[in-house]
Protein backbone atom coordinates (compact mmCIF):
# COMPACT_ATOMS: atom_id res chain seq x y z
CA MET A 1 0.00 0.00 0.00
CA ILE A 2 1.36 3.42 -0.98
CA PHE A 3 0.38 6.77 0.49
CA LEU A 4 1.86 10.23 0.95
CA ALA A 5 3.29 11.07 4.33
CA ARG A 6 3.02 14.63 5.65
CA ASP A 7 4.53 17.32 3.46
CA LEU A 8 8.29 17.63 3.44
CA LEU A 9 9.23 21.01 1.98
CA GLU A 10 7.87 21.00 -1.60
CA ARG A 11 7.95 17.26 -2.26
CA GLY A 12 6.78 14.77 0.34
CA LEU A 13 7.93 11.39 1.47
CA ILE A 14 6.23 8.37 -0.05
CA GLU A 15 5.86 5.29 2.11
CA LEU A 16 5.61 1.66 1.15
CA LYS A 17 3.74 0.95 4.35
CA ASP A 18 3.98 -2.84 4.38
CA LYS A 19 7.72 -2.65 3.75
CA ASN A 20 8.61 0.14 6.18
CA ILE A 21 10.39 1.91 3.31
CA TYR A 22 10.10 5.68 2.93
CA PHE A 23 11.05 7.16 -0.44
CA LEU A 24 12.44 10.64 -0.92
CA GLU A 25 12.58 11.40 -4.64
CA VAL A 26 15.68 13.48 -5.33
CA VAL A 27 17.05 15.47 -8.26
CA ARG A 28 20.72 14.93 -8.93
CA GLY A 29 22.79 18.10 -8.96
CA LEU A 30 20.34 20.56 -7.42
CA LYS A 31 21.91 22.23 -4.39
CA GLN A 32 18.66 22.78 -2.48
CA GLU A 33 17.98 19.03 -2.43
CA ALA A 34 20.53 18.72 0.37
CA ASP A 35 18.15 20.56 2.72
CA ARG A 36 15.35 18.11 1.90
CA VAL A 37 17.63 15.18 2.66
CA PHE A 38 18.68 16.58 6.03
CA ALA A 39 15.03 17.33 6.88
CA ALA A 40 13.92 13.82 5.88
CA VAL A 41 16.61 12.14 7.96
CA GLU A 42 15.71 14.29 10.97
CA MET A 43 12.01 13.56 10.51
CA MET A 44 12.27 9.80 9.97
CA ASN A 45 15.34 8.87 12.04
CA PRO A 46 15.85 5.74 9.88
CA ASP A 47 17.89 2.67 10.73
CA ILE A 48 19.11 2.40 7.13
CA LEU A 49 19.72 5.12 4.55
CA ALA A 50 19.65 3.66 1.03
CA MET A 51 20.78 5.74 -1.95
CA SER A 52 20.36 5.09 -5.67
CA ILE A 53 24.09 5.06 -6.33
CA SER A 54 26.56 2.20 -6.19
CA LYS A 55 28.80 1.20 -3.31
CA GLU A 56 31.75 2.44 -5.39
CA GLU A 57 30.11 5.84 -5.78
CA ILE A 58 29.62 6.09 -2.02
CA GLU A 59 33.33 5.46 -1.55
CA GLY A 60 33.96 8.09 -4.21
CA LEU A 61 31.92 10.61 -2.22
CA ARG A 62 33.93 9.82 0.90
CA GLU A 63 37.14 10.40 -1.02
CA TYR A 64 35.79 13.66 -2.45
CA ILE A 65 35.00 14.96 1.04
CA LYS A 66 38.57 14.18 2.10
CA ASN A 67 40.12 15.61 -1.07
CA PRO A 68 37.75 18.00 -2.88
CA CYS A 69 38.54 18.49 -6.55
CA GLU A 70 36.93 19.86 -9.71
CA ILE A 71 34.77 17.26 -11.44
CA GLN A 72 34.72 17.18 -15.22
CA MET A 73 31.25 16.84 -16.72
CA SER A 74 30.29 15.17 -19.96
CA ARG A 75 28.58 17.26 -22.65
CA TYR A 76 25.24 15.75 -21.65
CA GLU A 77 25.89 16.58 -17.99
CA GLU A 78 26.83 20.15 -18.91
CA LEU A 79 23.57 20.64 -20.81
CA TYR A 80 21.57 18.99 -18.04
CA ALA A 81 23.16 21.32 -15.48
CA GLU A 82 22.50 24.34 -17.71
CA ARG A 83 18.80 23.51 -18.05
CA LEU A 84 18.37 22.47 -14.42
CA SER A 85 19.96 25.71 -13.18
CA ARG A 86 16.74 27.64 -13.80
CA PHE A 87 15.44 25.92 -10.65
CA GLY A 88 18.48 26.70 -8.50
CA ASP A 89 22.24 26.26 -8.17
CA VAL A 90 23.69 23.04 -9.57
CA TYR A 91 26.74 21.21 -8.23
CA LEU A 92 28.70 17.98 -8.61
CA PRO A 93 28.92 15.62 -6.83
CA PRO A 94 25.13 15.64 -6.34
CA PRO A 95 24.33 17.54 -3.11
CA CYS A 96 21.51 15.12 -2.26
CA TYR A 97 23.98 12.24 -1.93
CA LEU A 98 26.66 14.27 -0.20
CA ALA A 99 23.99 15.28 2.32
CA GLY A 100 22.92 11.65 2.68
CA LEU A 101 26.47 10.59 3.45
CA GLU A 102 26.95 13.43 5.95
CA ALA A 103 23.63 12.75 7.69
CA ALA A 104 24.28 9.00 7.89
CA GLU A 105 27.72 9.44 9.42
CA LYS A 106 26.60 12.15 11.83
CA ASN A 107 23.66 10.09 13.08
CA HIS A 108 25.34 6.66 12.94
CA ILE A 109 22.90 5.39 10.32
CA GLU A 110 23.78 2.42 8.14
CA LEU A 111 24.42 3.70 4.60
CA ILE A 112 23.90 1.40 1.61
CA GLY A 113 24.15 1.98 -2.14
CA VAL A 114 21.41 0.06 -3.91
CA ASP A 115 22.30 0.78 -7.54
CA MET A 116 24.33 -1.55 -9.75
CA ASP A 117 28.00 -1.95 -8.91
CA ASN A 118 30.44 -1.00 -11.67
CA GLU A 119 30.93 -4.54 -12.96
CA THR A 120 27.20 -5.30 -13.12
CA HIS A 121 26.46 -1.99 -14.85
CA THR A 122 29.21 -2.47 -17.42
CA THR A 123 27.99 -5.98 -18.22
CA ALA A 124 24.39 -4.78 -18.64
CA TYR A 125 25.47 -1.80 -20.76
CA CYS A 126 27.47 -3.94 -23.15
CA ALA A 127 24.62 -6.45 -23.46
CA LEU A 128 21.83 -3.92 -24.05
CA VAL A 129 23.25 -0.88 -25.87
CA ASN A 130 24.36 -1.61 -29.43
CA GLY A 131 26.90 0.29 -31.49
CA ARG A 132 24.34 2.17 -33.55
CA GLU A 133 22.53 3.46 -30.47
CA LEU A 134 25.81 4.53 -28.91
CA LEU A 135 26.76 6.44 -32.06
CA VAL A 136 23.38 8.16 -32.36
CA HIS A 137 23.43 9.02 -28.65
CA SER A 138 26.83 10.70 -29.00
CA MET A 139 25.83 12.71 -32.09
CA ARG A 140 22.44 14.13 -31.17
CA LEU A 141 23.46 16.63 -28.49
CA LYS A 142 22.83 19.53 -30.91
CA LEU A 143 19.22 18.44 -31.36
CA LEU A 144 18.83 18.12 -27.60
CA ARG A 145 20.05 21.71 -27.17
CA MET A 146 17.23 22.88 -29.42
CA ARG A 147 14.56 21.03 -27.44
CA SER A 148 12.50 22.80 -24.80
CA PHE A 149 11.52 21.05 -21.59
CA LYS A 150 8.25 22.44 -20.31
CA ALA A 151 8.41 21.77 -16.60
CA ASP A 152 7.28 23.84 -13.63
CA ASN A 153 9.60 22.19 -11.12
CA PRO A 154 12.94 20.34 -11.07
CA TRP A 155 11.37 16.91 -10.49
CA ASP A 156 9.25 17.13 -13.64
CA PHE A 157 12.22 18.48 -15.58
CA ALA A 158 14.43 15.58 -14.50
CA ILE A 159 11.78 13.08 -15.63
CA LEU A 160 11.32 14.79 -19.01
CA TRP A 161 15.08 14.95 -19.52
CA ASP A 162 15.45 11.27 -18.71
CA ARG A 163 12.70 10.27 -21.13
CA ARG A 164 14.38 12.19 -23.93
CA VAL A 165 17.96 11.11 -23.26
CA ASN A 166 17.09 7.44 -22.73
CA ASN A 167 14.47 7.10 -25.45
CA MET A 168 16.38 4.53 -27.50
CA ARG A 169 15.58 0.89 -26.78
CA GLY A 170 18.93 -0.18 -25.38
CA PHE A 171 19.20 2.77 -23.01
CA ARG A 172 15.58 2.29 -21.86
CA GLN A 173 16.25 -1.37 -21.14
CA LEU A 174 19.38 -0.48 -19.19
CA GLU A 175 17.40 1.86 -16.94
CA ARG A 176 14.73 -0.82 -16.43
CA GLU A 177 17.48 -3.22 -15.32
CA ARG A 178 18.78 -0.63 -12.89
CA GLU A 179 15.30 -0.24 -11.45
CA LYS A 180 14.95 -4.01 -11.02
CA PHE A 181 18.33 -4.12 -9.30
CA MET A 182 17.38 -1.33 -6.88
CA ALA A 183 13.95 -2.83 -6.15
CA THR A 184 15.53 -6.21 -5.33
CA ALA A 185 18.13 -4.56 -3.10
CA LEU A 186 15.47 -2.62 -1.18
CA GLU A 187 13.31 -5.73 -0.78
CA ARG A 188 16.27 -7.55 0.77
CA LEU A 189 16.87 -4.67 3.15
CA ALA A 190 13.18 -4.69 4.11
CA LEU A 191 13.55 -8.25 5.39
CA SER A 192 15.49 -6.80 8.33
CA LYS A 193 12.26 -5.09 9.50
CA LYS A 194 14.29 -1.93 10.03
CA LYS A 195 13.09 1.53 9.01
CA ILE A 196 14.53 2.43 5.63
CA LEU A 197 14.80 5.88 4.08
CA ALA A 198 15.52 5.53 0.36
CA LEU A 199 16.96 8.48 -1.55
CA ILE A 200 16.08 7.56 -5.12
CA ASP A 201 16.48 9.55 -8.34
CA VAL A 202 13.05 10.90 -9.24
CA GLU A 203 13.44 9.38 -12.72
CA ARG A 204 13.70 5.87 -11.26
CA ALA A 205 11.63 6.10 -8.07
CA ALA A 206 8.11 5.41 -9.37
CA ASN A 207 9.16 2.27 -11.25
CA VAL A 208 11.19 1.01 -8.30
CA ARG A 209 8.15 1.33 -6.04
CA LYS A 210 5.95 -0.33 -8.67
CA LEU A 211 8.33 -3.28 -8.99
CA ILE A 212 8.39 -3.80 -5.23
CA SER A 213 4.59 -3.70 -5.06
CA ILE A 214 4.24 -6.12 -8.00
CA ASN A 215 6.69 -8.57 -6.46
CA GLU A 216 4.76 -8.42 -3.19
CA MET A 217 1.49 -9.17 -5.02
CA LYS A 218 3.07 -12.16 -6.76
CA ARG A 219 4.19 -13.60 -3.45
CA ASP A 220 0.72 -13.16 -1.98
């Protein structure tokens, strides 16, 4: 069963009640998302903080905090940041995940990355994305620059951007596999009966919740 918890800033928490999982949909790169993460952690006081990045990326965030450095963005990331900036300041690494790491360490919360590890992602990418799609994807940035994204808030923008960038079959399938991976990881964590706060990219969150609910219905 899914329902909205009480409002949290502009975008509320979403609970999978029977799983004791609370979702906070986040937008990568937007500075103000850090405040929402801190507020959600304070509100929920979770036992586990799950984030939609890999365990390697969590270690990368820890290293960045120790040794801050300038991060080079791809051309797609640069355009994404340019378009997203109309909703607020944009930074890398994503402030939502830096805030998650800081909040987890400060409050002694178990921190777990639920996205594909590097090896699993590379294997899936090579299996699903063919050479033609990779070539087209690398050449169509100019067309993407000409496209307008009619969104009134950063969450809707991120979803529209994702649909456009990943609209080729192989890339869509890759994202579906990521969602399955994250849903399975969260289901395993839920077996502990601990309270879980999941910081999930808004582009992936709805499908992750849907997959968990479908799997639960199948078991029933």
